[in-house]
Amino acid sequence: MAGEPTAEAPGKDFRILYHHRTQGRGGEGVHIREVIRAMRKLGCRVDLQEAPGVDVMHATETGGIREAGAGRASAYSRLFRYLTRYAPQFIFELAELGYNLWVWRPLSKRLQKRQVDVFYERYAFFSFIGTRLAERRGIPAVLEVNEIVGIERARGQALPWLARRVEAAVFRRASVILVVSSFLKETLIQRGVDEAKIHVVPNAVREETLASGNASGEVVRQQLGLQDATIIGFVGQIVRWDRLDLLIDDMALLYKDWPDLRLLVVGPCRFMDELRNQVRRLSLEDAVILTGPVERSDVMAYIDAMDIGLLPHSNPFGSPIVMFEYMAMAKPVLAVDVGPVRDIIVDDINGCLFPAGDRDAFRDKLIDLLTAPERRKRIGARALSDVRERHTWKRNAEYILRIVAPLLQHEQAGDN
């Protein structure tokens, strides 16, 4: 199982080419940066092939894309950003296909067998050229899969039939497939992917963030004027499926009986005006704090300021990074009971679960936690212990390298 404590992983001097097509924002950027950093700390040489204008290792939560300078790179960067933000879905997917033409040349030049041991790619819809080149060069391909065709996503799909055909070919060529949840593993097996090459590796946190005492939650409380409040909170890039509107409605009911209760919502949101209008309509201006985007380096301080971390909704396939961040700060998590969450949280042991869509159950569980500070402390302590033992980026990197090592040994034997 991913993250289980074991002997030190092999991997020193592995030469890895990491390719991704993301903008490096939000959770995707965190995942990419932390996996690469952890592998480098373990002695691997990890080089990056990125989309135009993206510099994920220097991106921030509120930035993501850096200027690429003058000339062709800058033009590609502007076009890439425009298509990502404004293009109709059909046009966007054609651009995703066209990306293979753009990246074919740099990948072809860099994927030389004597220069690269492993090709590592964060899977993206319609991205097929990397695994094809790796297969032709005899280089093992590790595919990190966070979503697949045909499941709920924030952005829809216009050509799912074509995306599924491309996806099947890419999965067939991959030597190893890393998925972030058991749901994804089970779905891939149902679609005919070889079970032996699928491994579940949930998200994680940096070891340095584990209740380090440097998160400055008290400073955040003072800045927000919440020194004496009981704070429940949510952190993340807010999308519709997070259902923050329901959470604010719940707060309107709870606030009547808990006047010192505060809801702290941290993160960017494209419909923030709607949430602010809802707060005003319910007369919750003193009870709900919507911070908007904050720097990635400040996130743990905001979590440290909370008494309870909330995950009111999540999709059925993704591994929420914020869940691990709550746990890393020894906060009890009240989370929706979906597969990827259930992979990590055991109810009333290292967190609390409520059935998806059951608002009464959510409020009952929350009230139970609000009235039992010792229980909160016990659950938070166990959550921290579990993260420390199983869910750091270093543990993930060690686990991945143990999977990859036999493939390289096989390749070396074949060369001899």
Protein backbone atom coordinates (compact mmCIF):
# COMPACT_ATOMS: atom_id res chain seq x y z
CA MET A 1 0.00 0.00 0.00
CA ALA A 2 1.23 3.51 -0.81
CA GLY A 3 3.01 5.25 2.00
CA GLU A 4 3.55 2.20 4.21
CA PRO A 5 6.83 2.57 6.14
CA THR A 6 9.52 0.36 4.63
CA ALA A 7 13.23 0.31 4.01
CA GLU A 8 14.75 3.13 2.01
CA ALA A 9 13.65 3.03 -1.62
CA PRO A 10 16.04 2.50 -4.51
CA GLY A 11 16.35 5.40 -6.88
CA LYS A 12 19.66 7.19 -6.44
CA ASP A 13 20.85 8.50 -9.79
CA PHE A 14 17.64 7.56 -11.65
CA ARG A 15 17.27 9.94 -14.60
CA ILE A 16 13.62 10.90 -14.94
CA LEU A 17 11.93 13.11 -17.52
CA TYR A 18 8.68 14.47 -16.06
CA HIS A 19 6.11 15.75 -18.56
CA HIS A 20 2.88 17.55 -17.70
CA ARG A 21 0.43 19.77 -19.57
CA THR A 22 -1.13 21.61 -16.64
CA GLN A 23 -0.96 25.28 -15.74
CA GLY A 24 0.64 24.40 -12.41
CA ARG A 25 -2.13 25.95 -10.33
CA GLY A 26 -3.94 24.65 -7.27
CA GLY A 27 -3.75 21.02 -6.25
CA GLU A 28 -2.27 19.86 -9.55
CA GLY A 29 0.69 22.20 -9.12
CA VAL A 30 1.21 21.13 -5.52
CA HIS A 31 1.21 17.46 -6.54
CA ILE A 32 3.71 17.94 -9.37
CA ARG A 33 6.10 20.11 -7.35
CA GLU A 34 6.09 17.89 -4.29
CA VAL A 35 6.61 14.62 -6.17
CA ILE A 36 9.53 16.14 -8.06
CA ARG A 37 11.08 17.64 -4.92
CA ALA A 38 10.75 14.35 -3.04
CA MET A 39 12.35 12.38 -5.88
CA ARG A 40 15.22 14.84 -6.12
CA LYS A 41 15.80 14.57 -2.38
CA LEU A 42 16.05 10.80 -2.82
CA GLY A 43 18.87 11.29 -5.33
CA CYS A 44 17.03 11.22 -8.66
CA ARG A 45 17.77 13.64 -11.47
CA VAL A 46 14.37 14.92 -12.55
CA ASP A 47 14.05 17.16 -15.61
CA LEU A 48 10.81 18.83 -16.68
CA GLN A 49 9.01 19.17 -19.99
CA GLU A 50 6.16 21.65 -19.55
CA ALA A 51 3.51 23.47 -21.52
CA PRO A 52 4.39 26.87 -23.03
CA GLY A 53 5.03 29.57 -20.45
CA VAL A 54 4.59 27.28 -17.44
CA ASP A 55 7.17 27.03 -14.66
CA VAL A 56 5.52 24.78 -12.10
CA MET A 57 8.47 24.68 -9.71
CA HIS A 58 8.21 28.44 -9.19
CA ALA A 59 4.44 28.81 -9.49
CA THR A 60 2.25 29.98 -6.63
CA GLU A 61 -1.28 29.11 -5.63
CA THR A 62 -2.53 32.35 -7.16
CA GLY A 63 -0.11 32.47 -10.09
CA GLY A 64 0.75 29.28 -11.92
CA ILE A 65 1.84 30.55 -15.33
CA ARG A 66 4.93 32.72 -15.63
CA GLU A 67 5.78 34.91 -18.56
CA ALA A 68 7.86 33.01 -21.09
CA GLY A 69 9.77 35.96 -22.46
CA ALA A 70 9.72 37.24 -26.00
CA GLY A 71 9.23 35.53 -29.33
CA ARG A 72 7.68 32.16 -30.10
CA ALA A 73 7.56 30.91 -26.48
CA SER A 74 5.64 34.00 -25.41
CA ALA A 75 3.18 33.62 -28.30
CA TYR A 76 2.60 29.97 -27.43
CA SER A 77 2.10 30.94 -23.79
CA ARG A 78 -0.53 33.59 -24.60
CA LEU A 79 -2.38 31.23 -26.94
CA PHE A 80 -2.27 28.44 -24.37
CA ARG A 81 -3.75 30.69 -21.68
CA TYR A 82 -6.44 32.05 -23.98
CA LEU A 83 -7.60 28.59 -25.07
CA THR A 84 -7.59 27.32 -21.50
CA ARG A 85 -9.74 30.15 -20.20
CA TYR A 86 -12.04 31.15 -23.06
CA ALA A 87 -12.23 28.58 -25.85
CA PRO A 88 -15.43 26.53 -26.33
CA GLN A 89 -14.94 22.95 -25.17
CA PHE A 90 -14.85 21.52 -28.71
CA ILE A 91 -12.11 23.95 -29.76
CA PHE A 92 -10.24 23.38 -26.53
CA GLU A 93 -10.16 19.63 -27.11
CA LEU A 94 -8.89 20.10 -30.67
CA ALA A 95 -6.13 22.25 -29.14
CA GLU A 96 -5.38 19.42 -26.68
CA LEU A 97 -4.89 17.10 -29.63
CA GLY A 98 -2.74 19.70 -31.37
CA TYR A 99 -0.52 19.95 -28.31
CA ASN A 100 0.96 16.58 -29.30
CA LEU A 101 2.42 18.22 -32.42
CA TRP A 102 3.95 21.03 -30.37
CA VAL A 103 5.53 18.75 -27.75
CA TRP A 104 6.60 15.98 -30.15
CA ARG A 105 9.89 17.62 -31.10
CA PRO A 106 11.17 18.55 -27.60
CA LEU A 107 10.13 15.16 -26.19
CA SER A 108 11.71 13.33 -29.11
CA LYS A 109 15.01 15.16 -28.53
CA ARG A 110 15.00 14.53 -24.77
CA LEU A 111 13.79 10.93 -24.71
CA GLN A 112 17.07 9.29 -25.53
CA LYS A 113 17.59 5.90 -23.88
CA ARG A 114 21.10 6.69 -22.73
CA GLN A 115 19.99 10.01 -21.24
CA VAL A 116 16.64 9.12 -19.63
CA ASP A 117 15.87 6.06 -17.50
CA VAL A 118 12.17 6.75 -16.87
CA PHE A 119 9.52 8.80 -18.65
CA TYR A 120 7.04 10.09 -16.05
CA GLU A 121 3.88 11.79 -17.25
CA ARG A 122 0.91 13.35 -15.51
CA TYR A 123 -1.89 12.00 -17.68
CA ALA A 124 -3.98 14.55 -19.58
CA PHE A 125 -6.81 13.93 -22.01
CA PHE A 126 -5.66 13.47 -25.65
CA SER A 127 -1.97 13.51 -24.66
CA PHE A 128 -0.51 10.45 -26.37
CA ILE A 129 2.82 11.33 -27.93
CA GLY A 130 4.93 10.91 -24.78
CA THR A 131 4.05 7.28 -24.06
CA ARG A 132 4.32 6.47 -27.76
CA LEU A 133 7.84 7.89 -28.00
CA ALA A 134 8.89 6.20 -24.75
CA GLU A 135 7.63 2.84 -26.03
CA ARG A 136 9.52 3.24 -29.31
CA ARG A 137 12.72 4.12 -27.45
CA GLY A 138 12.36 1.24 -24.99
CA ILE A 139 12.05 3.59 -21.99
CA PRO A 140 9.65 2.61 -19.16
CA ALA A 141 6.70 5.01 -18.96
CA VAL A 142 5.12 5.85 -15.60
CA LEU A 143 1.68 7.41 -15.97
CA GLU A 144 0.15 9.36 -13.08
CA VAL A 145 -3.63 9.33 -13.49
CA ASN A 146 -5.87 11.74 -11.58
CA GLU A 147 -8.96 11.61 -13.80
CA ILE A 148 -10.29 9.51 -16.66
CA VAL A 149 -12.79 9.89 -19.46
CA GLY A 150 -16.44 9.61 -18.55
CA ILE A 151 -16.44 10.74 -14.92
CA GLU A 152 -17.55 14.04 -13.39
CA ARG A 153 -15.13 16.92 -13.85
CA ALA A 154 -15.29 20.70 -13.48
CA ARG A 155 -14.84 21.09 -17.25
CA GLY A 156 -17.07 18.95 -19.48
CA GLN A 157 -16.08 16.90 -22.54
CA ALA A 158 -17.13 17.40 -26.16
CA LEU A 159 -15.40 14.39 -27.74
CA PRO A 160 -15.56 11.62 -25.11
CA TRP A 161 -15.60 8.83 -27.71
CA LEU A 162 -12.29 10.01 -29.17
CA ALA A 163 -10.79 10.75 -25.74
CA ARG A 164 -11.62 7.21 -24.63
CA ARG A 165 -9.88 5.67 -27.65
CA VAL A 166 -6.75 7.76 -27.09
CA GLU A 167 -6.86 6.98 -23.37
CA ALA A 168 -7.04 3.22 -23.94
CA ALA A 169 -3.95 3.37 -26.17
CA VAL A 170 -2.01 5.47 -23.67
CA PHE A 171 -2.86 3.15 -20.76
CA ARG A 172 -1.87 0.14 -22.83
CA ARG A 173 1.57 1.61 -23.55
CA ALA A 174 2.29 2.66 -19.96
CA SER A 175 4.59 0.41 -17.93
CA VAL A 176 3.16 1.63 -14.61
CA ILE A 177 -0.08 3.49 -13.86
CA LEU A 178 -0.32 5.43 -10.60
CA VAL A 179 -3.84 6.40 -9.51
CA VAL A 180 -4.84 8.56 -6.55
CA SER A 181 -7.81 6.46 -5.41
CA SER A 182 -9.11 2.92 -5.28
CA PHE A 183 -12.12 4.14 -7.30
CA LEU A 184 -9.84 4.92 -10.24
CA LYS A 185 -8.07 1.58 -9.93
CA GLU A 186 -11.31 -0.37 -9.91
CA THR A 187 -12.66 1.61 -12.87
CA LEU A 188 -9.53 1.03 -14.94
CA ILE A 189 -9.65 -2.69 -14.21
CA GLN A 190 -13.28 -2.74 -15.37
CA ARG A 191 -12.14 -1.07 -18.60
CA GLY A 192 -9.64 -3.81 -19.28
CA VAL A 193 -6.40 -2.26 -18.02
CA ASP A 194 -3.91 -4.79 -16.63
CA GLU A 195 -4.40 -4.78 -12.84
CA ALA A 196 -0.75 -5.71 -12.22
CA LYS A 197 0.50 -2.34 -13.40
CA ILE A 198 -2.00 -0.18 -11.46
CA HIS A 199 -0.94 1.18 -8.06
CA VAL A 200 -2.88 3.44 -5.69
CA VAL A 201 -0.84 6.42 -4.48
CA PRO A 202 -3.05 9.02 -2.73
CA ASN A 203 -1.97 12.60 -2.25
CA ALA A 204 0.16 13.64 0.71
CA VAL A 205 1.91 16.49 2.56
CA ARG A 206 5.46 17.63 3.12
CA GLU A 207 7.15 16.21 6.21
CA GLU A 208 8.11 19.75 7.22
CA THR A 209 4.46 20.76 7.67
CA LEU A 210 3.58 18.10 10.26
CA ALA A 211 2.30 20.20 13.17
CA SER A 212 5.62 22.00 13.09
CA GLY A 213 4.57 24.79 15.43
CA ASN A 214 5.59 27.37 12.81
CA ALA A 215 2.21 27.67 11.10
CA SER A 216 1.17 30.80 13.13
CA GLY A 217 -2.51 30.04 13.52
CA GLU A 218 -2.72 32.47 16.42
CA VAL A 219 -1.44 35.26 14.17
CA VAL A 220 -4.21 34.51 11.66
CA ARG A 221 -6.79 34.55 14.44
CA GLN A 222 -5.56 37.94 15.60
CA GLN A 223 -5.52 39.36 12.08
CA LEU A 224 -9.11 38.24 11.53
CA GLY A 225 -10.29 39.22 15.01
CA LEU A 226 -11.21 35.64 15.90
CA GLN A 227 -9.10 35.08 19.03
CA ASP A 228 -11.98 33.70 21.11
CA ALA A 229 -14.04 32.07 18.34
CA THR A 230 -14.57 28.41 17.55
CA ILE A 231 -13.52 28.15 13.91
CA ILE A 232 -14.69 25.60 11.37
CA GLY A 233 -13.05 25.95 7.99
CA PHE A 234 -12.66 24.99 4.38
CA VAL A 235 -9.55 25.48 2.22
CA GLY A 236 -9.24 24.91 -1.50
CA GLN A 237 -9.76 26.11 -5.04
CA ILE A 238 -13.51 26.47 -4.80
CA VAL A 239 -15.59 24.95 -7.60
CA ARG A 240 -19.33 24.36 -7.83
CA TRP A 241 -19.19 20.77 -6.66
CA ASP A 242 -17.68 21.84 -3.33
CA ARG A 243 -21.20 23.07 -2.48
CA LEU A 244 -20.08 25.96 -0.33
CA ASP A 245 -23.59 27.36 -0.76
CA LEU A 246 -24.95 24.47 1.31
CA LEU A 247 -22.23 24.97 3.90
CA ILE A 248 -23.25 28.62 4.29
CA ASP A 249 -26.89 27.54 4.62
CA ASP A 250 -25.82 25.12 7.37
CA MET A 251 -23.97 27.92 9.08
CA ALA A 252 -27.18 29.99 9.18
CA LEU A 253 -28.83 27.20 11.20
CA LEU A 254 -25.86 26.55 13.49
CA TYR A 255 -25.09 30.19 14.24
CA LYS A 256 -28.38 30.61 16.12
CA ASP A 257 -27.25 28.16 18.81
CA TRP A 258 -23.49 28.79 18.55
CA PRO A 259 -22.96 32.58 18.49
CA ASP A 260 -19.18 32.19 18.88
CA LEU A 261 -18.96 29.87 15.86
CA ARG A 262 -17.18 31.16 12.75
CA LEU A 263 -16.85 29.69 9.26
CA LEU A 264 -13.52 30.47 7.60
CA VAL A 265 -13.38 29.81 3.83
CA VAL A 266 -9.95 30.15 2.22
CA GLY A 267 -9.25 30.00 -1.50
CA PRO A 268 -10.01 31.43 -4.92
CA CYS A 269 -13.52 31.18 -6.35
CA ARG A 270 -14.88 32.35 -9.70
CA PHE A 271 -18.35 32.85 -8.22
CA MET A 272 -17.23 34.55 -5.01
CA ASP A 273 -19.74 37.37 -5.51
CA GLU A 274 -22.56 34.80 -5.32
CA LEU A 275 -21.25 33.49 -2.00
CA ARG A 276 -20.84 37.01 -0.59
CA ASN A 277 -24.40 37.87 -1.63
CA GLN A 278 -25.64 34.70 0.08
CA VAL A 279 -23.78 35.65 3.27
CA ARG A 280 -25.39 39.12 3.22
CA ARG A 281 -28.84 37.71 2.48
CA LEU A 282 -28.59 35.41 5.52
CA SER A 283 -27.12 38.19 7.72
CA LEU A 284 -23.97 36.17 8.37
CA GLU A 285 -21.41 38.93 7.80
CA ASP A 286 -20.04 38.46 11.33
CA ALA A 287 -20.07 34.65 11.15
CA VAL A 288 -18.59 33.82 7.71
CA ILE A 289 -15.17 34.96 6.55
CA LEU A 290 -14.38 34.54 2.83
CA THR A 291 -10.69 35.34 2.37
CA GLY A 292 -10.36 34.67 -1.35
CA PRO A 293 -6.98 33.45 -2.65
CA VAL A 294 -3.96 33.37 -0.35
CA GLU A 295 -0.35 32.45 -1.03
CA ARG A 296 0.44 28.75 -0.87
CA SER A 297 3.00 29.41 1.86
CA ASP A 298 0.23 30.82 4.11
CA VAL A 299 -2.26 27.97 3.76
CA MET A 300 -1.04 25.94 6.73
CA ALA A 301 -1.32 28.97 9.02
CA TYR A 302 -4.99 29.35 8.11
CA ILE A 303 -5.54 25.64 8.79
CA ASP A 304 -3.72 25.98 12.10
CA ALA A 305 -6.21 28.70 13.06
CA MET A 306 -9.13 26.26 12.65
CA ASP A 307 -10.63 23.96 15.25
CA ILE A 308 -12.26 21.63 12.70
CA GLY A 309 -11.43 21.13 9.01
CA LEU A 310 -14.36 20.59 6.65
CA LEU A 311 -14.63 18.70 3.39
CA PRO A 312 -18.33 19.17 2.61
CA HIS A 313 -18.20 17.53 -0.81
CA SER A 314 -15.69 15.84 -3.11
CA ASN A 315 -15.76 14.02 -6.42
CA PRO A 316 -15.71 10.20 -6.39
CA PHE A 317 -12.26 9.82 -7.94
CA GLY A 318 -9.89 12.50 -6.62
CA SER A 319 -7.67 12.53 -3.53
CA PRO A 320 -8.23 15.91 -1.79
CA ILE A 321 -4.88 17.40 -0.80
CA VAL A 322 -6.52 19.60 1.81
CA MET A 323 -7.70 16.51 3.72
CA PHE A 324 -4.07 15.57 4.32
CA GLU A 325 -3.21 19.16 5.21
CA TYR A 326 -5.93 19.25 7.87
CA MET A 327 -4.61 15.97 9.26
CA ALA A 328 -1.01 17.21 9.16
CA MET A 329 -1.98 20.08 11.46
CA ALA A 330 -3.68 17.62 13.86
CA LYS A 331 -7.13 18.95 13.03
CA PRO A 332 -10.17 16.66 13.14
CA VAL A 333 -11.62 16.40 9.63
CA LEU A 334 -15.36 16.21 8.99
CA ALA A 335 -15.54 14.85 5.46
CA VAL A 336 -18.04 13.50 2.96
CA ASP A 337 -18.06 9.70 2.76
CA VAL A 338 -16.82 9.04 -0.79
CA GLY A 339 -14.30 6.44 -1.95
CA PRO A 340 -11.06 8.48 -2.04
CA VAL A 341 -11.82 9.92 1.40
CA ARG A 342 -12.73 6.50 2.78
CA ASP A 343 -9.37 5.23 1.48
CA ILE A 344 -7.78 7.42 4.16
CA ILE A 345 -10.27 8.21 6.94
CA VAL A 346 -11.80 5.74 9.35
CA ASP A 347 -14.87 7.26 11.01
CA ASP A 348 -14.29 8.48 14.57
CA ILE A 349 -10.67 7.22 14.49
CA ASN A 350 -8.64 9.66 12.40
CA GLY A 351 -11.55 11.77 11.17
CA CYS A 352 -15.34 11.81 10.89
CA LEU A 353 -17.50 10.90 7.90
CA PHE A 354 -21.05 11.75 6.89
CA PRO A 355 -23.10 10.36 3.98
CA ALA A 356 -22.94 12.40 0.78
CA GLY A 357 -25.90 14.75 0.48
CA ASP A 358 -27.16 14.18 4.03
CA ARG A 359 -27.12 17.67 5.53
CA ASP A 360 -28.79 16.58 8.76
CA ALA A 361 -26.04 14.01 9.31
CA PHE A 362 -23.40 16.65 8.53
CA ARG A 363 -24.81 19.06 11.12
CA ASP A 364 -25.23 16.30 13.73
CA LYS A 365 -21.62 15.17 13.27
CA LEU A 366 -20.38 18.74 13.44
CA ILE A 367 -22.32 19.45 16.64
CA ASP A 368 -20.88 16.27 18.16
CA LEU A 369 -17.37 17.58 17.45
CA LEU A 370 -18.15 21.09 18.66
CA THR A 371 -19.37 19.77 22.01
CA ALA A 372 -16.44 17.39 22.57
CA PRO A 373 -13.04 19.16 22.57
CA GLU A 374 -11.26 16.11 23.97
CA ARG A 375 -12.64 13.99 21.14
CA ARG A 376 -11.40 16.57 18.65
CA LYS A 377 -7.97 16.39 20.21
CA ARG A 378 -7.91 12.57 20.11
CA ILE A 379 -9.01 12.38 16.48
CA GLY A 380 -6.58 15.11 15.44
CA ALA A 381 -3.66 13.38 17.14
CA ARG A 382 -4.42 10.10 15.37
CA ALA A 383 -4.78 11.92 12.05
CA LEU A 384 -1.33 13.47 12.49
CA SER A 385 0.17 10.09 13.37
CA ASP A 386 -1.33 8.43 10.28
CA VAL A 387 -0.10 11.16 7.95
CA ARG A 388 3.38 11.02 9.43
CA GLU A 389 3.57 7.24 8.94
CA ARG A 390 1.87 6.87 5.55
CA HIS A 391 1.08 10.06 3.69
CA THR A 392 4.09 12.27 3.13
CA TRP A 393 5.44 13.07 -0.33
CA LYS A 394 8.68 11.37 0.64
CA ARG A 395 6.80 8.13 1.38
CA ASN A 396 5.02 8.42 -1.95
CA ALA A 397 8.26 8.98 -3.85
CA GLU A 398 9.92 6.01 -2.13
CA TYR A 399 6.97 3.81 -3.04
CA ILE A 400 7.01 4.94 -6.68
CA LEU A 401 10.74 4.32 -7.01
CA ARG A 402 10.37 0.82 -5.58
CA ILE A 403 7.83 0.11 -8.32
CA VAL A 404 10.05 1.55 -11.04
CA ALA A 405 13.34 -0.10 -10.00
CA PRO A 406 12.50 -3.62 -11.29
CA LEU A 407 11.57 -2.16 -14.68
CA LEU A 408 15.01 -0.58 -14.99
CA GLN A 409 16.71 -3.78 -13.91
CA HIS A 410 14.77 -5.61 -16.61
CA GLU A 411 15.81 -3.03 -19.22
CA GLN A 412 19.45 -3.30 -18.16
CA ALA A 413 19.31 -7.09 -18.37
CA GLY A 414 17.84 -6.80 -21.87
CA ASP A 415 20.67 -4.48 -22.94
CA ASN A 416 23.20 -7.02 -21.73
